[in-house]
Amino acid sequence: MTGLDLRSVRATVTDAEVLRTITPDAAVSYMRRSGWSYLGTKQGLDCPVSSWVLGGCEVDLPLDPSVRDYPLRMAEVLTTLAAVEDRSQLAILAELVDAEASYELDRLQHELAEARDQWLCAKSRVDFLEGRDQVIDAITAALVEQARADPDFEARYMAAISRGIGKALAAAEAARPGRESEA
């Protein structure tokens, strides 16, 4: 038996279940990749449609797969695409299925990248906090050791903190709006 490529067979796809599996996202992705020009979105008879043009032929792509005649409309889209592109409907259908898989893969890769970025951000925050805690622990240990070695250390340390707080309060008071500097 010869290697028959079904994508080259000129057949008309009429299976409603197969046509219903073509998502609007996959169809739009296919249209972009295949050189069709986007004209805009408009309200069709009972659902919005995305209008595309190539070589003077226009296609209205249904955007709501829940409408009852969605498979029929997708069959018309496939017929038009096959005629304008001079290709088999089966070849186009295969690309539409690939487009759906590609679209889903792109979406999942995007979600994965976002999750990775969020994880890295959270990890850097944890690393920072752990590093900060280690510094605080080291300073505390050094202060405790110094206090053990020098009985007057604690009193001098508390006095220095009080002076620092007093200077900070004085600076804040001086910087308060509406307060004139005293010469």
Protein backbone atom coordinates (compact mmCIF):
# COMPACT_ATOMS: atom_id res chain seq x y z
CA MET A 1 0.00 0.00 0.00
CA THR A 2 1.28 3.45 -0.88
CA GLY A 3 1.77 6.13 1.76
CA LEU A 4 -1.41 8.14 1.27
CA ASP A 5 -1.36 11.50 3.05
CA LEU A 6 -4.93 12.19 4.13
CA ARG A 7 -4.14 15.89 4.44
CA SER A 8 -3.89 16.07 0.63
CA VAL A 9 -7.27 14.40 0.07
CA ARG A 10 -9.91 16.89 -1.07
CA ALA A 11 -12.68 15.94 1.32
CA THR A 12 -15.41 17.97 2.97
CA VAL A 13 -15.53 17.81 6.76
CA THR A 14 -19.14 17.46 7.93
CA ASP A 15 -18.77 15.72 11.30
CA ALA A 16 -20.46 18.11 13.76
CA GLU A 17 -18.54 16.74 16.75
CA VAL A 18 -15.20 17.28 14.99
CA LEU A 19 -16.21 20.78 13.88
CA ARG A 20 -17.36 21.63 17.41
CA THR A 21 -13.84 20.86 18.72
CA ILE A 22 -12.38 23.78 16.74
CA THR A 23 -12.12 26.58 19.28
CA PRO A 24 -12.31 30.27 18.34
CA ASP A 25 -8.83 30.80 19.83
CA ALA A 26 -7.34 28.07 17.63
CA ALA A 27 -9.12 29.43 14.55
CA VAL A 28 -7.92 32.99 15.22
CA SER A 29 -4.37 31.71 15.73
CA TYR A 30 -4.58 29.81 12.43
CA MET A 31 -5.91 32.88 10.58
CA ARG A 32 -3.04 35.03 11.84
CA ARG A 33 -0.41 32.43 10.94
CA SER A 34 -1.90 31.88 7.49
CA GLY A 35 -1.75 35.52 6.43
CA TRP A 36 -5.40 36.49 6.83
CA SER A 37 -5.96 40.14 7.78
CA TYR A 38 -8.15 40.91 10.78
CA LEU A 39 -10.98 43.33 9.98
CA GLY A 40 -12.60 43.48 13.41
CA THR A 41 -15.29 41.93 15.53
CA LYS A 42 -18.98 42.51 14.90
CA GLN A 43 -22.28 41.09 16.05
CA GLY A 44 -23.47 38.25 13.83
CA LEU A 45 -26.99 36.84 13.75
CA ASP A 46 -26.81 35.24 17.19
CA CYS A 47 -23.20 35.57 18.29
CA PRO A 48 -20.19 37.83 17.78
CA VAL A 49 -17.98 37.04 14.78
CA SER A 50 -14.39 37.90 13.99
CA SER A 51 -14.01 39.07 10.37
CA TRP A 52 -10.92 38.19 8.30
CA VAL A 53 -9.93 38.82 4.69
CA LEU A 54 -7.44 37.26 2.27
CA GLY A 55 -7.29 37.76 -1.48
CA GLY A 56 -10.61 39.59 -1.57
CA CYS A 57 -12.46 36.82 0.28
CA GLU A 58 -13.93 37.52 3.69
CA VAL A 59 -14.56 34.99 6.44
CA ASP A 60 -16.73 35.56 9.50
CA LEU A 61 -15.41 33.34 12.27
CA PRO A 62 -18.00 32.56 14.99
CA LEU A 63 -16.66 33.39 18.46
CA ASP A 64 -19.25 31.53 20.57
CA PRO A 65 -19.00 27.74 20.31
CA SER A 66 -22.14 27.33 22.42
CA VAL A 67 -24.49 28.49 19.63
CA ARG A 68 -26.47 25.64 18.13
CA ASP A 69 -25.22 26.05 14.54
CA TYR A 70 -21.53 26.51 15.47
CA PRO A 71 -20.48 23.29 13.65
CA LEU A 72 -22.30 24.42 10.49
CA ARG A 73 -20.60 27.82 10.62
CA MET A 74 -17.18 26.19 11.16
CA ALA A 75 -17.90 23.92 8.15
CA GLU A 76 -18.50 27.08 6.06
CA VAL A 77 -15.28 28.58 7.41
CA LEU A 78 -13.34 25.40 6.50
CA THR A 79 -14.89 25.39 3.00
CA THR A 80 -13.89 29.02 2.44
CA LEU A 81 -10.38 28.54 3.82
CA ALA A 82 -9.83 25.47 1.63
CA ALA A 83 -11.03 27.30 -1.50
CA VAL A 84 -9.07 30.52 -0.89
CA GLU A 85 -5.87 28.77 0.21
CA ASP A 86 -6.25 25.96 -2.38
CA ARG A 87 -5.75 23.35 0.31
CA SER A 88 -7.54 20.32 1.65
CA GLN A 89 -10.04 20.80 4.48
CA LEU A 90 -8.33 17.90 6.26
CA ALA A 91 -4.96 19.69 6.11
CA ILE A 92 -6.52 22.86 7.49
CA LEU A 93 -8.36 20.87 10.18
CA ALA A 94 -5.06 19.24 11.19
CA GLU A 95 -3.48 22.69 11.55
CA LEU A 96 -6.45 23.94 13.55
CA VAL A 97 -6.06 21.02 15.94
CA ASP A 98 -2.31 21.75 16.12
CA ALA A 99 -3.14 25.43 16.68
CA GLU A 100 -5.36 24.52 19.63
CA ALA A 101 -2.60 22.39 21.14
CA SER A 102 -0.07 25.16 20.46
CA TYR A 103 -2.38 27.78 21.99
CA GLU A 104 -2.88 25.63 25.09
CA LEU A 105 0.87 24.98 25.34
CA ASP A 106 1.60 28.73 25.08
CA ARG A 107 -1.00 29.45 27.77
CA LEU A 108 0.45 26.82 30.10
CA GLN A 109 4.01 28.03 29.49
CA HIS A 110 2.90 31.58 30.31
CA GLU A 111 1.20 30.42 33.53
CA LEU A 112 4.29 28.40 34.45
CA ALA A 113 6.56 31.43 33.89
CA GLU A 114 4.29 33.59 36.06
CA ALA A 115 4.24 30.96 38.82
CA ARG A 116 8.04 30.67 38.63
CA ASP A 117 8.43 34.47 38.90
CA GLN A 118 6.10 34.54 41.92
CA TRP A 119 8.03 31.68 43.54
CA LEU A 120 11.37 33.44 42.95
CA CYS A 121 10.00 36.66 44.42
CA ALA A 122 8.70 34.83 47.50
CA LYS A 123 11.99 32.93 47.84
CA SER A 124 14.01 36.16 47.70
CA ARG A 125 11.79 37.62 50.44
CA VAL A 126 12.34 34.53 52.60
CA ASP A 127 16.10 34.66 51.92
CA PHE A 128 16.14 38.35 52.88
CA LEU A 129 14.22 37.70 56.10
CA GLU A 130 16.46 34.77 57.00
CA GLY A 131 19.53 36.92 56.33
CA ARG A 132 18.07 39.76 58.37
CA ASP A 133 17.32 37.38 61.24
CA GLN A 134 20.89 36.05 61.12
CA VAL A 135 22.26 39.61 61.33
CA ILE A 136 19.96 40.44 64.25
CA ASP A 137 20.99 37.21 65.99
CA ALA A 138 24.69 38.03 65.48
CA ILE A 139 24.26 41.60 66.80
CA THR A 140 22.27 40.33 69.79
CA ALA A 141 24.90 37.70 70.57
CA ALA A 142 27.68 40.32 70.34
CA LEU A 143 25.76 42.72 72.63
CA VAL A 144 25.06 39.97 75.17
CA GLU A 145 28.73 38.94 75.15
CA GLN A 146 29.84 42.54 75.59
CA ALA A 147 27.34 43.04 78.42
CA ARG A 148 28.73 39.96 80.20
CA ALA A 149 32.29 41.19 79.82
CA ASP A 150 31.57 44.81 80.87
CA PRO A 151 29.13 45.43 83.78
CA ASP A 152 28.68 49.13 82.75
CA PHE A 153 27.96 48.28 79.11
CA GLU A 154 24.20 47.96 79.53
CA ALA A 155 23.84 51.38 81.15
CA ARG A 156 26.03 53.06 78.49
CA TYR A 157 24.13 51.25 75.71
CA MET A 158 20.72 52.35 77.05
CA ALA A 159 21.98 55.93 77.47
CA ALA A 160 23.22 55.95 73.87
CA ILE A 161 19.85 54.69 72.66
CA SER A 162 18.07 57.39 74.71
CA ARG A 163 20.35 60.09 73.25
CA GLY A 164 19.69 58.74 69.76
CA ILE A 165 15.94 58.76 70.32
CA GLY A 166 16.15 62.24 71.81
CA LYS A 167 18.12 63.53 68.77
CA ALA A 168 15.64 61.89 66.39
CA LEU A 169 12.68 63.49 68.19
CA ALA A 170 14.37 66.89 68.18
CA ALA A 171 15.11 66.60 64.45
CA ALA A 172 11.52 65.58 63.72
CA GLU A 173 10.19 68.50 65.77
CA ALA A 174 12.47 70.94 63.95
CA ALA A 175 11.40 69.59 60.56
CA ARG A 176 7.69 69.85 61.34
CA PRO A 177 5.86 72.10 58.82
CA GLY A 178 4.92 75.57 60.06
CA ARG A 179 7.70 75.67 62.60
CA GLU A 180 10.08 78.57 62.17
CA SER A 181 13.70 77.87 62.86
CA GLU A 182 15.01 79.58 65.94
CA ALA A 183 18.25 81.48 65.56
